[in-house]
Amino acid sequence: MKNRRNIIIAFLLCATLIVGVGYAAVAEQLTVDGVASYHKSDVTGLDGVIHFTGNALIVNAEHNEVTNNDAIILNVTAGTQNATIDANFTNTNVTAFHSNSQYLVGVIFEVEIDNSGDGITEALELTFGQTSISGEVGIGQPFGVSSAIKDGQTNAANTLEGITVDVGDKATVYLHVQISMLESIVTNNTADVADTAFKVVLPIQKVEAGA
């Protein structure tokens, strides 16, 4: 009787192990997506004050506007702080952006700074930090990305380090983003280039009175 009980216990233990191994084989990986942040200063309340207007311009290497070209798809909504660029180049639609041994496309986003809200009693002074660009773009990569905040849509517009908007006023600035592609990709009939993700982040900080 005792031996039979031991056999049953041993069988149950083995069954438990088998179930555990079976589960581990099914659960290949665990993934956790999240966002964590730290700010050395209090939140400045700039959300809604600085936003895309929804207007954007696509230009070629000579800074001439390009229309009716399916290479660049934009997603930018008025009132938001986020926009996307989807660049899908082919050997036909990319020809509009060719110049000087490379392909260049510029996207110019219109940005509004609104200091006309209720209860505002002080001018809004902002500083623009250095744009950071992340992703597999840059020297030695098929694609390159650069960006700047300017006071106009032209290539010769002034790059801004900051701006002051008086009480009750609004101001417009322009976020210029340029994407380049190596000419050799087309001329050498290179195989398809895999999707390359990138991110452009422009830090904007409010200057507090007395700072």
Protein backbone atom coordinates (compact mmCIF):
# COMPACT_ATOMS: atom_id res chain seq x y z
CA MET A 1 0.00 0.00 0.00
CA LYS A 2 2.83 2.32 0.93
CA ASN A 3 4.66 1.57 -2.31
CA ARG A 4 1.51 2.26 -4.29
CA ARG A 5 1.11 5.62 -2.58
CA ASN A 6 4.73 6.50 -3.37
CA ILE A 7 4.20 5.53 -6.99
CA ILE A 8 1.14 7.81 -7.22
CA ILE A 9 3.04 10.70 -5.62
CA ALA A 10 5.96 10.20 -7.99
CA PHE A 11 3.57 10.10 -10.95
CA LEU A 12 1.91 13.36 -9.89
CA LEU A 13 5.28 15.06 -9.47
CA CYS A 14 6.35 13.94 -12.93
CA ALA A 15 3.05 15.14 -14.39
CA THR A 16 3.55 18.53 -12.75
CA LEU A 17 7.05 18.83 -14.24
CA ILE A 18 5.78 17.84 -17.67
CA VAL A 19 3.08 20.51 -17.51
CA GLY A 20 5.69 23.07 -16.43
CA VAL A 21 8.01 22.18 -19.30
CA GLY A 22 5.13 22.24 -21.76
CA TYR A 23 4.13 25.73 -20.61
CA ALA A 24 7.69 27.03 -20.88
CA ALA A 25 7.92 25.75 -24.45
CA VAL A 26 4.79 27.69 -25.39
CA ALA A 27 5.76 30.94 -23.61
CA GLU A 28 8.73 31.89 -25.81
CA GLN A 29 9.18 35.42 -24.51
CA LEU A 30 7.88 38.08 -22.18
CA THR A 31 7.57 41.63 -23.43
CA VAL A 32 6.97 44.77 -21.40
CA ASP A 33 6.31 48.08 -23.13
CA GLY A 34 6.32 51.21 -21.04
CA VAL A 35 7.42 54.80 -20.66
CA ALA A 36 9.29 56.29 -17.73
CA SER A 37 10.59 59.83 -17.45
CA TYR A 38 12.28 62.27 -15.10
CA HIS A 39 12.28 66.06 -15.35
CA LYS A 40 14.60 68.20 -13.27
CA SER A 41 12.03 71.01 -13.33
CA ASP A 42 8.31 71.07 -12.76
CA VAL A 43 6.01 70.61 -15.74
CA THR A 44 5.83 73.94 -17.58
CA GLY A 45 2.32 73.54 -18.88
CA LEU A 46 3.31 74.05 -22.52
CA ASP A 47 0.99 71.32 -23.80
CA GLY A 48 -1.52 73.01 -26.06
CA VAL A 49 0.49 76.22 -26.11
CA ILE A 50 2.91 74.87 -28.70
CA HIS A 51 1.44 72.69 -31.41
CA PHE A 52 1.45 71.79 -35.06
CA THR A 53 -1.08 73.72 -37.11
CA GLY A 54 -1.64 70.81 -39.48
CA ASN A 55 0.03 72.66 -42.37
CA ALA A 56 3.19 71.21 -43.90
CA LEU A 57 5.22 71.65 -47.05
CA ILE A 58 7.19 69.01 -48.97
CA VAL A 59 10.19 70.32 -50.91
CA ASN A 60 12.99 68.89 -53.05
CA ALA A 61 16.74 69.50 -52.87
CA GLU A 62 16.33 72.91 -54.53
CA HIS A 63 13.69 73.74 -51.94
CA ASN A 64 10.93 73.82 -54.52
CA GLU A 65 7.56 72.48 -53.43
CA VAL A 66 6.75 68.98 -54.63
CA THR A 67 3.12 67.99 -55.08
CA ASN A 68 1.31 64.96 -56.45
CA ASN A 69 4.11 62.65 -55.38
CA ASP A 70 3.29 59.53 -53.37
CA ALA A 71 6.80 59.16 -51.95
CA ILE A 72 6.04 61.16 -48.80
CA ILE A 73 2.95 60.61 -46.69
CA LEU A 74 2.44 62.97 -43.76
CA ASN A 75 0.28 62.57 -40.69
CA VAL A 76 0.03 65.85 -38.84
CA THR A 77 -3.04 67.10 -37.02
CA ALA A 78 -3.70 70.63 -35.83
CA GLY A 79 -3.36 71.03 -32.08
CA THR A 80 -1.03 68.10 -31.49
CA GLN A 81 2.67 67.86 -30.62
CA ASN A 82 3.33 64.76 -32.71
CA ALA A 83 3.63 64.21 -36.44
CA THR A 84 4.85 61.39 -38.66
CA ILE A 85 6.65 61.15 -41.99
CA ASP A 86 6.29 58.00 -44.05
CA ALA A 87 8.89 58.05 -46.84
CA ASN A 88 8.31 55.31 -49.40
CA PHE A 89 10.82 55.78 -52.20
CA THR A 90 10.80 53.87 -55.48
CA ASN A 91 13.05 54.26 -58.50
CA THR A 92 10.36 56.40 -60.14
CA ASN A 93 8.93 58.66 -57.45
CA VAL A 94 12.37 59.45 -55.98
CA THR A 95 13.60 61.17 -59.14
CA ALA A 96 11.90 64.42 -58.12
CA PHE A 97 14.30 64.69 -55.17
CA HIS A 98 17.63 64.05 -56.93
CA SER A 99 20.46 66.58 -56.71
CA ASN A 100 24.26 66.51 -56.47
CA SER A 101 24.81 62.77 -56.09
CA GLN A 102 22.08 62.22 -53.54
CA TYR A 103 18.35 62.39 -53.01
CA LEU A 104 16.99 65.00 -50.64
CA VAL A 105 13.45 65.63 -49.45
CA GLY A 106 12.45 68.29 -46.97
CA VAL A 107 9.32 68.45 -44.87
CA ILE A 108 8.49 71.80 -43.28
CA PHE A 109 5.96 71.69 -40.45
CA GLU A 110 4.18 74.87 -39.37
CA VAL A 111 4.14 75.28 -35.60
CA GLU A 112 2.04 77.77 -33.63
CA ILE A 113 2.95 79.24 -30.25
CA ASP A 114 -0.16 80.62 -28.55
CA ASN A 115 0.15 83.04 -25.67
CA SER A 116 -3.40 84.41 -25.93
CA GLY A 117 -5.19 82.18 -23.46
CA ASP A 118 -7.39 83.39 -20.62
CA GLY A 119 -5.61 84.65 -17.55
CA ILE A 120 -2.20 85.08 -19.20
CA THR A 121 -0.37 88.10 -17.81
CA GLU A 122 3.24 87.53 -18.84
CA ALA A 123 5.15 87.27 -22.07
CA LEU A 124 6.12 83.70 -22.99
CA GLU A 125 9.86 83.24 -23.40
CA LEU A 126 11.01 79.95 -24.90
CA THR A 127 14.34 78.39 -25.69
CA PHE A 128 14.78 75.68 -28.32
CA GLY A 129 17.27 72.99 -27.43
CA GLN A 130 19.40 71.03 -29.87
CA THR A 131 17.34 68.63 -31.93
CA SER A 132 18.09 64.99 -31.19
CA ILE A 133 17.73 62.36 -33.90
CA SER A 134 17.66 58.66 -33.13
CA GLY A 135 17.44 55.55 -35.29
CA GLU A 136 19.66 53.83 -37.84
CA VAL A 137 20.23 56.99 -39.85
CA GLY A 138 23.35 59.02 -40.53
CA ILE A 139 26.87 58.49 -41.86
CA GLY A 140 27.33 55.07 -43.38
CA GLN A 141 23.60 54.39 -43.45
CA PRO A 142 21.31 54.38 -46.51
CA PHE A 143 19.32 57.28 -45.07
CA GLY A 144 20.26 60.46 -43.25
CA VAL A 145 18.07 62.83 -41.26
CA SER A 146 18.66 66.39 -40.12
CA SER A 147 16.40 68.99 -38.56
CA ALA A 148 16.20 72.60 -37.39
CA ILE A 149 13.61 75.06 -36.09
CA LYS A 150 13.48 78.23 -38.22
CA ASP A 151 11.56 81.48 -38.47
CA GLY A 152 10.43 80.80 -42.04
CA GLN A 153 9.78 78.15 -44.68
CA THR A 154 12.68 79.05 -46.97
CA ASN A 155 16.03 77.32 -46.85
CA ALA A 156 17.63 80.66 -45.97
CA ALA A 157 15.33 81.24 -42.99
CA ASN A 158 17.05 81.91 -39.70
CA THR A 159 17.60 79.07 -37.26
CA LEU A 160 16.07 79.94 -33.91
CA GLU A 161 17.52 79.42 -30.47
CA GLY A 162 14.50 80.93 -28.77
CA ILE A 163 11.51 83.22 -29.11
CA THR A 164 9.42 85.59 -27.01
CA VAL A 165 5.67 85.87 -27.55
CA ASP A 166 3.91 88.82 -25.94
CA VAL A 167 0.72 88.57 -23.91
CA GLY A 168 -2.27 88.00 -26.15
CA ASP A 169 -0.14 87.19 -29.20
CA LYS A 170 0.57 84.13 -31.32
CA ALA A 171 3.74 83.30 -33.23
CA THR A 172 4.54 80.88 -36.01
CA VAL A 173 7.79 78.94 -36.39
CA TYR A 174 8.75 76.10 -38.71
CA LEU A 175 10.25 72.71 -37.95
CA HIS A 176 12.40 71.67 -40.93
CA VAL A 177 13.14 67.96 -41.32
CA GLN A 178 15.33 66.73 -44.18
CA ILE A 179 15.71 63.13 -45.29
CA SER A 180 18.56 62.12 -47.59
CA MET A 181 19.21 58.87 -49.45
CA LEU A 182 22.41 57.64 -51.06
CA GLU A 183 22.43 57.94 -54.85
CA SER A 184 24.17 54.56 -55.12
CA ILE A 185 21.04 52.81 -53.89
CA VAL A 186 19.33 53.69 -57.17
CA THR A 187 22.26 53.79 -59.60
CA ASN A 188 23.65 50.43 -58.45
CA ASN A 189 20.21 48.87 -58.57
CA THR A 190 20.57 47.88 -54.93
CA ALA A 191 18.05 45.48 -53.48
CA ASP A 192 15.18 46.87 -51.45
CA VAL A 193 16.28 48.72 -48.33
CA ALA A 194 14.51 47.64 -45.16
CA ASP A 195 12.28 50.10 -43.34
CA THR A 196 14.39 52.46 -41.28
CA ALA A 197 12.72 54.02 -38.25
CA PHE A 198 13.88 57.36 -36.91
CA LYS A 199 12.71 59.93 -34.40
CA VAL A 200 13.23 63.69 -34.31
CA VAL A 201 12.84 65.34 -30.91
CA LEU A 202 12.99 69.10 -30.43
CA PRO A 203 13.17 70.09 -26.74
CA ILE A 204 11.41 73.35 -25.88
CA GLN A 205 11.78 74.95 -22.49
CA LYS A 206 9.95 77.84 -20.89
CA VAL A 207 12.20 80.44 -19.31
CA GLU A 208 10.83 81.30 -15.89
CA ALA A 209 10.84 84.87 -14.66
CA GLY A 210 14.03 85.68 -12.79
CA ALA A 211 15.83 82.62 -14.16
